[in-house]
Amino acid sequence: MSANARSLKYILGWLIAGTRGGVTRAKIIQVLREAPQNANQLASLLALDYRTIRHHLKVLQKNRLITTAGEGYGTTYFLSPLLEENYAVFEEILNRIWKKEKKE
């Protein structure tokens, strides 16, 4: 595993498994893998408040897991190249979380 992938694993582990908003962030990542979206589209698709989506997008962007194109209301979000290349790391973390939840 490369140093970037290891670093990504720690970041994803913390942002997805280690914090309260992890489930929402995981859903956003999954949706963005299917197709780039703007915040309003994400809020509609995930049936969540627009401000909640914007908060999670900022967290994901700050940690370089997503990237953007455009400006203002029409800003479109994409997975970062690092996350695209290492999507299996994200899936591994999700699988671990789901297995843990099923045991409880």
PDB file of N, CA and C in Angstrom:
ATOM      1  N   MET A   1       0.850  -1.185   0.000  1.00  0.00           N
ATOM      2  CA  MET A   1       0.000   0.000   0.000  1.00  0.00           C
ATOM      3  C   MET A   1       0.893   1.245   0.000  1.00  0.00           C
ATOM      4  N   SER A   2       0.589   2.165  -0.881  1.00  0.00           N
ATOM      5  CA  SER A   2       1.395   3.378  -0.984  1.00  0.00           C
ATOM      6  C   SER A   2       1.166   4.272   0.234  1.00  0.00           C
ATOM      7  N   ALA A   3       2.065   5.228   0.423  1.00  0.00           N
ATOM      8  CA  ALA A   3       1.943   6.175   1.540  1.00  0.00           C
ATOM      9  C   ALA A   3       0.643   6.972   1.408  1.00  0.00           C
ATOM     10  N   ASN A   4       0.286   7.355   0.171  1.00  0.00           N
ATOM     11  CA  ASN A   4      -0.964   8.096  -0.045  1.00  0.00           C
ATOM     12  C   ASN A   4      -2.175   7.253   0.346  1.00  0.00           C
ATOM     13  N   ALA A   5      -2.162   5.978  -0.016  1.00  0.00           N
ATOM     14  CA  ALA A   5      -3.283   5.093   0.303  1.00  0.00           C
ATOM     15  C   ALA A   5      -3.378   4.894   1.818  1.00  0.00           C
ATOM     16  N   ARG A   6      -2.243   4.764   2.481  1.00  0.00           N
ATOM     17  CA  ARG A   6      -2.237   4.607   3.939  1.00  0.00           C
ATOM     18  C   ARG A   6      -2.807   5.854   4.610  1.00  0.00           C
ATOM     19  N   SER A   7      -2.367   7.010   4.139  1.00  0.00           N
ATOM     20  CA  SER A   7      -2.856   8.274   4.667  1.00  0.00           C
ATOM     21  C   SER A   7      -4.367   8.388   4.439  1.00  0.00           C
ATOM     22  N   LEU A   8      -4.810   8.016   3.253  1.00  0.00           N
ATOM     23  CA  LEU A   8      -6.228   8.055   2.920  1.00  0.00           C
ATOM     24  C   LEU A   8      -7.020   7.127   3.839  1.00  0.00           C
ATOM     25  N   LYS A   9      -6.451   5.967   4.139  1.00  0.00           N
ATOM     26  CA  LYS A   9      -7.116   4.997   5.011  1.00  0.00           C
ATOM     27  C   LYS A   9      -7.361   5.596   6.400  1.00  0.00           C
ATOM     28  N   TYR A  10      -6.372   6.303   6.941  1.00  0.00           N
ATOM     29  CA  TYR A  10      -6.527   6.953   8.249  1.00  0.00           C
ATOM     30  C   TYR A  10      -7.594   8.046   8.200  1.00  0.00           C
ATOM     31  N   ILE A  11      -7.533   8.873   7.155  1.00  0.00           N
ATOM     32  CA  ILE A  11      -8.494   9.977   7.013  1.00  0.00           C
ATOM     33  C   ILE A  11      -9.911   9.428   6.877  1.00  0.00           C
ATOM     34  N   LEU A  12     -10.081   8.442   5.988  1.00  0.00           N
ATOM     35  CA  LEU A  12     -11.409   7.859   5.793  1.00  0.00           C
ATOM     36  C   LEU A  12     -11.894   7.157   7.056  1.00  0.00           C
ATOM     37  N   GLY A  13     -11.006   6.453   7.707  1.00  0.00           N
ATOM     38  CA  GLY A  13     -11.378   5.767   8.941  1.00  0.00           C
ATOM     39  C   GLY A  13     -11.924   6.739   9.966  1.00  0.00           C
ATOM     40  N   TRP A  14     -11.266   7.873  10.087  1.00  0.00           N
ATOM     41  CA  TRP A  14     -11.701   8.887  11.041  1.00  0.00           C
ATOM     42  C   TRP A  14     -12.995   9.565  10.576  1.00  0.00           C
ATOM     43  N   LEU A  15     -13.053   9.987   9.314  1.00  0.00           N
ATOM     44  CA  LEU A  15     -14.214  10.737   8.822  1.00  0.00           C
ATOM     45  C   LEU A  15     -15.459   9.884   8.638  1.00  0.00           C
ATOM     46  N   ILE A  16     -15.284   8.586   8.379  1.00  0.00           N
ATOM     47  CA  ILE A  16     -16.433   7.714   8.136  1.00  0.00           C
ATOM     48  C   ILE A  16     -16.791   6.903   9.386  1.00  0.00           C
ATOM     49  N   ALA A  17     -15.789   6.257   9.976  1.00  0.00           N
ATOM     50  CA  ALA A  17     -16.061   5.372  11.116  1.00  0.00           C
ATOM     51  C   ALA A  17     -15.941   6.077  12.464  1.00  0.00           C
ATOM     52  N   GLY A  18     -15.164   7.138  12.524  1.00  0.00           N
ATOM     53  CA  GLY A  18     -14.844   7.725  13.819  1.00  0.00           C
ATOM     54  C   GLY A  18     -15.616   8.959  14.213  1.00  0.00           C
ATOM     55  N   THR A  19     -16.502   9.439  13.358  1.00  0.00           N
ATOM     56  CA  THR A  19     -17.250  10.654  13.686  1.00  0.00           C
ATOM     57  C   THR A  19     -18.736  10.462  13.443  1.00  0.00           C
ATOM     58  N   ARG A  20     -19.534  11.294  14.096  1.00  0.00           N
ATOM     59  CA  ARG A  20     -20.990  11.167  14.043  1.00  0.00           C
ATOM     60  C   ARG A  20     -21.583  11.278  12.635  1.00  0.00           C
ATOM     61  N   GLY A  21     -21.026  12.131  11.807  1.00  0.00           N
ATOM     62  CA  GLY A  21     -21.570  12.336  10.462  1.00  0.00           C
ATOM     63  C   GLY A  21     -21.035  11.370   9.432  1.00  0.00           C
ATOM     64  N   GLY A  22     -20.351  10.342   9.872  1.00  0.00           N
ATOM     65  CA  GLY A  22     -19.698   9.405   8.965  1.00  0.00           C
ATOM     66  C   GLY A  22     -20.623   8.731   7.975  1.00  0.00           C
ATOM     67  N   VAL A  23     -21.802   8.359   8.422  1.00  0.00           N
ATOM     68  CA  VAL A  23     -22.746   7.671   7.535  1.00  0.00           C
ATOM     69  C   VAL A  23     -23.169   8.601   6.402  1.00  0.00           C
ATOM     70  N   THR A  24     -23.453   9.839   6.733  1.00  0.00           N
ATOM     71  CA  THR A  24     -23.841  10.815   5.706  1.00  0.00           C
ATOM     72  C   THR A  24     -22.698  11.039   4.729  1.00  0.00           C
ATOM     73  N   ARG A  25     -21.479  11.181   5.246  1.00  0.00           N
ATOM     74  CA  ARG A  25     -20.328  11.380   4.353  1.00  0.00           C
ATOM     75  C   ARG A  25     -20.126  10.164   3.441  1.00  0.00           C
ATOM     76  N   ALA A  26     -20.321   8.985   3.977  1.00  0.00           N
ATOM     77  CA  ALA A  26     -20.189   7.764   3.168  1.00  0.00           C
ATOM     78  C   ALA A  26     -21.220   7.761   2.039  1.00  0.00           C
ATOM     79  N   LYS A  27     -22.454   8.155   2.357  1.00  0.00           N
ATOM     80  CA  LYS A  27     -23.506   8.197   1.329  1.00  0.00           C
ATOM     81  C   LYS A  27     -23.151   9.211   0.244  1.00  0.00           C
ATOM     82  N   ILE A  28     -22.632  10.361   0.646  1.00  0.00           N
ATOM     83  CA  ILE A  28     -22.239  11.391  -0.330  1.00  0.00           C
ATOM     84  C   ILE A  28     -21.156  10.837  -1.258  1.00  0.00           C
ATOM     85  N   ILE A  29     -20.160  10.181  -0.692  1.00  0.00           N
ATOM     86  CA  ILE A  29     -19.080   9.609  -1.501  1.00  0.00           C
ATOM     87  C   ILE A  29     -19.639   8.584  -2.490  1.00  0.00           C
ATOM     88  N   GLN A  30     -20.546   7.733  -2.026  1.00  0.00           N
ATOM     89  CA  GLN A  30     -21.126   6.720  -2.906  1.00  0.00           C
ATOM     90  C   GLN A  30     -21.902   7.354  -4.059  1.00  0.00           C
ATOM     91  N   VAL A  31     -22.683   8.386  -3.760  1.00  0.00           N
ATOM     92  CA  VAL A  31     -23.460   9.067  -4.803  1.00  0.00           C
ATOM     93  C   VAL A  31     -22.527   9.746  -5.801  1.00  0.00           C
ATOM     94  N   LEU A  32     -21.484  10.410  -5.298  1.00  0.00           N
ATOM     95  CA  LEU A  32     -20.565  11.115  -6.197  1.00  0.00           C
ATOM     96  C   LEU A  32     -19.772  10.147  -7.070  1.00  0.00           C
ATOM     97  N   ARG A  33     -19.591   8.927  -6.612  1.00  0.00           N
ATOM     98  CA  ARG A  33     -18.894   7.946  -7.455  1.00  0.00           C
ATOM     99  C   ARG A  33     -19.746   7.608  -8.680  1.00  0.00           C
ATOM    100  N   GLU A  34     -21.055   7.604  -8.495  1.00  0.00           N
ATOM    101  CA  GLU A  34     -21.968   7.309  -9.606  1.00  0.00           C
ATOM    102  C   GLU A  34     -21.986   8.451 -10.620  1.00  0.00           C
ATOM    103  N   ALA A  35     -22.041   9.682 -10.115  1.00  0.00           N
ATOM    104  CA  ALA A  35     -22.091  10.852 -11.001  1.00  0.00           C
ATOM    105  C   ALA A  35     -21.835  12.120 -10.192  1.00  0.00           C
ATOM    106  N   PRO A  36     -21.111  13.080 -10.769  1.00  0.00           N
ATOM    107  CA  PRO A  36     -20.903  14.365 -10.092  1.00  0.00           C
ATOM    108  C   PRO A  36     -22.257  15.032  -9.827  1.00  0.00           C
ATOM    109  N   GLN A  37     -22.342  15.743  -8.718  1.00  0.00           N
ATOM    110  CA  GLN A  37     -23.602  16.388  -8.316  1.00  0.00           C
ATOM    111  C   GLN A  37     -23.294  17.751  -7.702  1.00  0.00           C
ATOM    112  N   ASN A  38     -24.306  18.620  -7.685  1.00  0.00           N
ATOM    113  CA  ASN A  38     -24.165  19.839  -6.893  1.00  0.00           C
ATOM    114  C   ASN A  38     -24.834  19.598  -5.538  1.00  0.00           C
ATOM    115  N   ALA A  39     -24.697  20.529  -4.615  1.00  0.00           N
ATOM    116  CA  ALA A  39     -25.203  20.340  -3.254  1.00  0.00           C
ATOM    117  C   ALA A  39     -26.716  20.153  -3.238  1.00  0.00           C
ATOM    118  N   ASN A  40     -27.425  20.879  -4.068  1.00  0.00           N
ATOM    119  CA  ASN A  40     -28.879  20.761  -4.109  1.00  0.00           C
ATOM    120  C   ASN A  40     -29.303  19.375  -4.600  1.00  0.00           C
ATOM    121  N   GLN A  41     -28.633  18.868  -5.615  1.00  0.00           N
ATOM    122  CA  GLN A  41     -28.937  17.527  -6.121  1.00  0.00           C
ATOM    123  C   GLN A  41     -28.676  16.477  -5.041  1.00  0.00           C
ATOM    124  N   LEU A  42     -27.558  16.631  -4.336  1.00  0.00           N
ATOM    125  CA  LEU A  42     -27.233  15.696  -3.252  1.00  0.00           C
ATOM    126  C   LEU A  42     -28.285  15.739  -2.156  1.00  0.00           C
ATOM    127  N   ALA A  43     -28.710  16.946  -1.774  1.00  0.00           N
ATOM    128  CA  ALA A  43     -29.727  17.091  -0.728  1.00  0.00           C
ATOM    129  C   ALA A  43     -31.024  16.387  -1.151  1.00  0.00           C
ATOM    130  N   SER A  44     -31.415  16.542  -2.398  1.00  0.00           N
ATOM    131  CA  SER A  44     -32.633  15.891  -2.892  1.00  0.00           C
ATOM    132  C   SER A  44     -32.476  14.374  -2.930  1.00  0.00           C
ATOM    133  N   LEU A  45     -31.370  13.918  -3.503  1.00  0.00           N
ATOM    134  CA  LEU A  45     -31.134  12.471  -3.618  1.00  0.00           C
ATOM    135  C   LEU A  45     -31.078  11.773  -2.272  1.00  0.00           C
ATOM    136  N   LEU A  46     -30.444  12.417  -1.296  1.00  0.00           N
ATOM    137  CA  LEU A  46     -30.254  11.799   0.010  1.00  0.00           C
ATOM    138  C   LEU A  46     -31.338  12.188   1.021  1.00  0.00           C
ATOM    139  N   ALA A  47     -32.283  13.024   0.570  1.00  0.00           N
ATOM    140  CA  ALA A  47     -33.381  13.491   1.426  1.00  0.00           C
ATOM    141  C   ALA A  47     -32.845  14.104   2.735  1.00  0.00           C
ATOM    142  N   LEU A  48     -31.862  14.988   2.571  1.00  0.00           N
ATOM    143  CA  LEU A  48     -31.260  15.669   3.712  1.00  0.00           C
ATOM    144  C   LEU A  48     -31.318  17.176   3.506  1.00  0.00           C
ATOM    145  N   ASP A  49     -31.197  17.906   4.600  1.00  0.00           N
ATOM    146  CA  ASP A  49     -31.195  19.362   4.564  1.00  0.00           C
ATOM    147  C   ASP A  49     -29.993  19.869   3.763  1.00  0.00           C
ATOM    148  N   TYR A  50     -30.228  20.891   2.956  1.00  0.00           N
ATOM    149  CA  TYR A  50     -29.176  21.479   2.123  1.00  0.00           C
ATOM    150  C   TYR A  50     -27.972  21.905   2.957  1.00  0.00           C
ATOM    151  N   ARG A  51     -28.222  22.560   4.101  1.00  0.00           N
ATOM    152  CA  ARG A  51     -27.109  23.019   4.954  1.00  0.00           C
ATOM    153  C   ARG A  51     -26.304  21.848   5.513  1.00  0.00           C
ATOM    154  N   THR A  52     -26.973  20.758   5.816  1.00  0.00           N
ATOM    155  CA  THR A  52     -26.290  19.556   6.302  1.00  0.00           C
ATOM    156  C   THR A  52     -25.351  19.032   5.216  1.00  0.00           C
ATOM    157  N   ILE A  53     -25.853  18.967   4.008  1.00  0.00           N
ATOM    158  CA  ILE A  53     -25.040  18.505   2.870  1.00  0.00           C
ATOM    159  C   ILE A  53     -23.839  19.424   2.682  1.00  0.00           C
ATOM    160  N   ARG A  54     -24.079  20.726   2.713  1.00  0.00           N
ATOM    161  CA  ARG A  54     -22.976  21.689   2.532  1.00  0.00           C
ATOM    162  C   ARG A  54     -21.905  21.499   3.607  1.00  0.00           C
ATOM    163  N   HIS A  55     -22.307  21.268   4.841  1.00  0.00           N
ATOM    164  CA  HIS A  55     -21.354  21.028   5.924  1.00  0.00           C
ATOM    165  C   HIS A  55     -20.478  19.810   5.596  1.00  0.00           C
ATOM    166  N   HIS A  56     -21.092  18.720   5.229  1.00  0.00           N
ATOM    167  CA  HIS A  56     -20.340  17.495   4.954  1.00  0.00           C
ATOM    168  C   HIS A  56     -19.458  17.648   3.710  1.00  0.00           C
ATOM    169  N   LEU A  57     -19.942  18.386   2.728  1.00  0.00           N
ATOM    170  CA  LEU A  57     -19.118  18.635   1.534  1.00  0.00           C
ATOM    171  C   LEU A  57     -17.860  19.422   1.911  1.00  0.00           C
ATOM    172  N   LYS A  58     -18.019  20.410   2.790  1.00  0.00           N
ATOM    173  CA  LYS A  58     -16.855  21.194   3.234  1.00  0.00           C
ATOM    174  C   LYS A  58     -15.840  20.308   3.940  1.00  0.00           C
ATOM    175  N   VAL A  59     -16.322  19.403   4.806  1.00  0.00           N
ATOM    176  CA  VAL A  59     -15.431  18.490   5.525  1.00  0.00           C
ATOM    177  C   VAL A  59     -14.698  17.588   4.538  1.00  0.00           C
ATOM    178  N   LEU A  60     -15.427  17.038   3.581  1.00  0.00           N
ATOM    179  CA  LEU A  60     -14.806  16.145   2.585  1.00  0.00           C
ATOM    180  C   LEU A  60     -13.810  16.902   1.705  1.00  0.00           C
ATOM    181  N   GLN A  61     -14.163  18.125   1.337  1.00  0.00           N
ATOM    182  CA  GLN A  61     -13.271  18.934   0.494  1.00  0.00           C
ATOM    183  C   GLN A  61     -12.018  19.340   1.273  1.00  0.00           C
ATOM    184  N   LYS A  62     -12.172  19.730   2.517  1.00  0.00           N
ATOM    185  CA  LYS A  62     -11.038  20.132   3.359  1.00  0.00           C
ATOM    186  C   LYS A  62     -10.028  18.989   3.492  1.00  0.00           C
ATOM    187  N   ASN A  63     -10.541  17.760   3.508  1.00  0.00           N
ATOM    188  CA  ASN A  63      -9.682  16.584   3.645  1.00  0.00           C
ATOM    189  C   ASN A  63      -9.283  15.979   2.297  1.00  0.00           C
ATOM    190  N   ARG A  64      -9.516  16.750   1.241  1.00  0.00           N
ATOM    191  CA  ARG A  64      -9.098  16.389  -0.121  1.00  0.00           C
ATOM    192  C   ARG A  64      -9.673  15.056  -0.626  1.00  0.00           C
ATOM    193  N   LEU A  65     -10.904  14.763  -0.197  1.00  0.00           N
ATOM    194  CA  LEU A  65     -11.571  13.553  -0.666  1.00  0.00           C
ATOM    195  C   LEU A  65     -12.474  13.843  -1.854  1.00  0.00           C
ATOM    196  N   ILE A  66     -12.875  15.113  -1.978  1.00  0.00           N
ATOM    197  CA  ILE A  66     -13.662  15.532  -3.139  1.00  0.00           C
ATOM    198  C   ILE A  66     -13.055  16.802  -3.706  1.00  0.00           C
ATOM    199  N   THR A  67     -13.427  17.088  -4.930  1.00  0.00           N
ATOM    200  CA  THR A  67     -12.956  18.286  -5.614  1.00  0.00           C
ATOM    201  C   THR A  67     -14.163  18.936  -6.284  1.00  0.00           C
ATOM    202  N   THR A  68     -14.003  20.155  -6.768  1.00  0.00           N
ATOM    203  CA  THR A  68     -15.140  20.877  -7.345  1.00  0.00           C
ATOM    204  C   THR A  68     -14.830  21.437  -8.717  1.00  0.00           C
ATOM    205  N   ALA A  69     -15.921  21.765  -9.410  1.00  0.00           N
ATOM    206  CA  ALA A  69     -15.846  22.510 -10.666  1.00  0.00           C
ATOM    207  C   ALA A  69     -16.985  23.513 -10.633  1.00  0.00           C
ATOM    208  N   GLY A  70     -16.755  24.689 -11.163  1.00  0.00           N
ATOM    209  CA  GLY A  70     -17.793  25.715 -11.163  1.00  0.00           C
ATOM    210  C   GLY A  70     -17.766  26.512  -9.869  1.00  0.00           C
ATOM    211  N   GLU A  71     -18.696  27.455  -9.783  1.00  0.00           N
ATOM    212  CA  GLU A  71     -18.738  28.339  -8.613  1.00  0.00           C
ATOM    213  C   GLU A  71     -20.163  28.551  -8.154  1.00  0.00           C
ATOM    214  N   GLY A  72     -20.277  29.055  -6.933  1.00  0.00           N
ATOM    215  CA  GLY A  72     -21.581  29.430  -6.387  1.00  0.00           C
ATOM    216  C   GLY A  72     -22.532  28.257  -6.283  1.00  0.00           C
ATOM    217  N   TYR A  73     -23.809  28.551  -6.525  1.00  0.00           N
ATOM    218  CA  TYR A  73     -24.870  27.572  -6.367  1.00  0.00           C
ATOM    219  C   TYR A  73     -24.663  26.349  -7.261  1.00  0.00           C
ATOM    220  N   GLY A  74     -24.071  26.554  -8.427  1.00  0.00           N
ATOM    221  CA  GLY A  74     -23.890  25.468  -9.386  1.00  0.00           C
ATOM    222  C   GLY A  74     -22.617  24.666  -9.203  1.00  0.00           C
ATOM    223  N   THR A  75     -21.873  24.902  -8.140  1.00  0.00           N
ATOM    224  CA  THR A  75     -20.640  24.153  -7.902  1.00  0.00           C
ATOM    225  C   THR A  75     -20.942  22.660  -7.937  1.00  0.00           C
ATOM    226  N   THR A  76     -20.183  21.953  -8.758  1.00  0.00           N
ATOM    227  CA  THR A  76     -20.370  20.510  -8.897  1.00  0.00           C
ATOM    228  C   THR A  76     -19.240  19.797  -8.170  1.00  0.00           C
ATOM    229  N   TYR A  77     -19.578  18.744  -7.463  1.00  0.00           N
ATOM    230  CA  TYR A  77     -18.611  17.990  -6.653  1.00  0.00           C
ATOM    231  C   TYR A  77     -18.293  16.650  -7.304  1.00  0.00           C
ATOM    232  N   PHE A  78     -17.025  16.290  -7.242  1.00  0.00           N
ATOM    233  CA  PHE A  78     -16.511  15.037  -7.799  1.00  0.00           C
ATOM    234  C   PHE A  78     -15.639  14.371  -6.738  1.00  0.00           C
ATOM    235  N   LEU A  79     -15.426  13.067  -6.871  1.00  0.00           N
ATOM    236  CA  LEU A  79     -14.431  12.418  -6.023  1.00  0.00           C
ATOM    237  C   LEU A  79     -13.063  12.913  -6.440  1.00  0.00           C
ATOM    238  N   SER A  80     -12.158  13.064  -5.504  1.00  0.00           N
ATOM    239  CA  SER A  80     -10.797  13.479  -5.824  1.00  0.00           C
ATOM    240  C   SER A  80     -10.095  12.328  -6.543  1.00  0.00           C
ATOM    241  N   PRO A  81      -9.075  12.638  -7.346  1.00  0.00           N
ATOM    242  CA  PRO A  81      -8.323  11.556  -8.006  1.00  0.00           C
ATOM    243  C   PRO A  81      -7.757  10.548  -7.002  1.00  0.00           C
ATOM    244  N   LEU A  82      -7.318  11.033  -5.825  1.00  0.00           N
ATOM    245  CA  LEU A  82      -6.783  10.134  -4.804  1.00  0.00           C
ATOM    246  C   LEU A  82      -7.844   9.136  -4.337  1.00  0.00           C
ATOM    247  N   LEU A  83      -9.053   9.616  -4.096  1.00  0.00           N
ATOM    248  CA  LEU A  83     -10.125   8.724  -3.649  1.00  0.00           C
ATOM    249  C   LEU A  83     -10.559   7.793  -4.781  1.00  0.00           C
ATOM    250  N   GLU A  84     -10.622   8.323  -5.994  1.00  0.00           N
ATOM    251  CA  GLU A  84     -10.962   7.480  -7.154  1.00  0.00           C
ATOM    252  C   GLU A  84      -9.997   6.302  -7.267  1.00  0.00           C
ATOM    253  N   GLU A  85      -8.699   6.607  -7.175  1.00  0.00           N
ATOM    254  CA  GLU A  85      -7.660   5.582  -7.332  1.00  0.00           C
ATOM    255  C   GLU A  85      -7.679   4.567  -6.191  1.00  0.00           C
ATOM    256  N   ASN A  86      -8.144   4.976  -5.040  1.00  0.00           N
ATOM    257  CA  ASN A  86      -8.117   4.120  -3.843  1.00  0.00           C
ATOM    258  C   ASN A  86      -9.516   3.852  -3.301  1.00  0.00           C
ATOM    259  N   TYR A  87     -10.492   3.770  -4.178  1.00  0.00           N
ATOM    260  CA  TYR A  87     -11.877   3.580  -3.752  1.00  0.00           C
ATOM    261  C   TYR A  87     -12.047   2.283  -2.958  1.00  0.00           C
ATOM    262  N   ALA A  88     -11.222   1.298  -3.242  1.00  0.00           N
ATOM    263  CA  ALA A  88     -11.287   0.020  -2.519  1.00  0.00           C
ATOM    264  C   ALA A  88     -11.025   0.225  -1.020  1.00  0.00           C
ATOM    265  N   VAL A  89     -10.199   1.200  -0.679  1.00  0.00           N
ATOM    266  CA  VAL A  89      -9.919   1.505   0.739  1.00  0.00           C
ATOM    267  C   VAL A  89     -11.207   1.981   1.415  1.00  0.00           C
ATOM    268  N   PHE A  90     -11.952   2.843   0.742  1.00  0.00           N
ATOM    269  CA  PHE A  90     -13.236   3.336   1.245  1.00  0.00           C
ATOM    270  C   PHE A  90     -14.203   2.166   1.429  1.00  0.00           C
ATOM    271  N   GLU A  91     -14.291   1.284   0.427  1.00  0.00           N
ATOM    272  CA  GLU A  91     -15.195   0.138   0.505  1.00  0.00           C
ATOM    273  C   GLU A  91     -14.817  -0.790   1.664  1.00  0.00           C
ATOM    274  N   GLU A  92     -13.531  -0.961   1.881  1.00  0.00           N
ATOM    275  CA  GLU A  92     -13.044  -1.802   2.982  1.00  0.00           C
ATOM    276  C   GLU A  92     -13.510  -1.245   4.330  1.00  0.00           C
ATOM    277  N   ILE A  93     -13.418   0.068   4.501  1.00  0.00           N
ATOM    278  CA  ILE A  93     -13.850   0.714   5.744  1.00  0.00           C
ATOM    279  C   ILE A  93     -15.363   0.550   5.927  1.00  0.00           C
ATOM    280  N   LEU A  94     -16.121   0.743   4.842  1.00  0.00           N
ATOM    281  CA  LEU A  94     -17.575   0.572   4.927  1.00  0.00           C
ATOM    282  C   LEU A  94     -17.938  -0.850   5.319  1.00  0.00           C
ATOM    283  N   ASN A  95     -17.299  -1.820   4.719  1.00  0.00           N
ATOM    284  CA  ASN A  95     -17.585  -3.223   5.021  1.00  0.00           C
ATOM    285  C   ASN A  95     -17.305  -3.534   6.485  1.00  0.00           C
ATOM    286  N   ARG A  96     -16.232  -2.975   7.000  1.00  0.00           N
ATOM    287  CA  ARG A  96     -15.883  -3.182   8.405  1.00  0.00           C
ATOM    288  C   ARG A  96     -16.950  -2.580   9.332  1.00  0.00           C
ATOM    289  N   ILE A  97     -17.432  -1.394   8.989  1.00  0.00           N
ATOM    290  CA  ILE A  97     -18.454  -0.728   9.797  1.00  0.00           C
ATOM    291  C   ILE A  97     -19.744  -1.545   9.785  1.00  0.00           C
ATOM    292  N   TRP A  98     -20.166  -2.001   8.590  1.00  0.00           N
ATOM    293  CA  TRP A  98     -21.417  -2.747   8.486  1.00  0.00           C
ATOM    294  C   TRP A  98     -21.337  -4.069   9.231  1.00  0.00           C
ATOM    295  N   LYS A  99     -20.205  -4.731   9.164  1.00  0.00           N
ATOM    296  CA  LYS A  99     -20.037  -5.994   9.904  1.00  0.00           C
ATOM    297  C   LYS A  99     -20.149  -5.748  11.402  1.00  0.00           C
ATOM    298  N   LYS A 100     -19.538  -4.655  11.866  1.00  0.00           N
ATOM    299  CA  LYS A 100     -19.564  -4.282  13.277  1.00  0.00           C
ATOM    300  C   LYS A 100     -21.005  -3.999  13.726  1.00  0.00           C
ATOM    301  N   GLU A 101     -21.754  -3.253  12.902  1.00  0.00           N
ATOM    302  CA  GLU A 101     -23.137  -2.908  13.244  1.00  0.00           C
ATOM    303  C   GLU A 101     -24.030  -4.142  13.301  1.00  0.00           C
ATOM    304  N   LYS A 102     -23.795  -5.105  12.413  1.00  0.00           N
ATOM    305  CA  LYS A 102     -24.614  -6.325  12.374  1.00  0.00           C
ATOM    306  C   LYS A 102     -24.380  -7.172  13.629  1.00  0.00           C
ATOM    307  N   LYS A 103     -23.158  -7.106  14.170  1.00  0.00           N
ATOM    308  CA  LYS A 103     -22.834  -7.877  15.373  1.00  0.00           C
ATOM    309  C   LYS A 103     -23.514  -7.320  16.611  1.00  0.00           C
ATOM    310  N   GLU A 104     -23.727  -6.011  16.615  1.00  0.00           N
ATOM    311  CA  GLU A 104     -24.287  -5.335  17.816  1.00  0.00           C
ATOM    312  C   GLU A 104     -25.763  -5.590  17.961  1.00  0.00           C
TER     313      GLU A 104
END
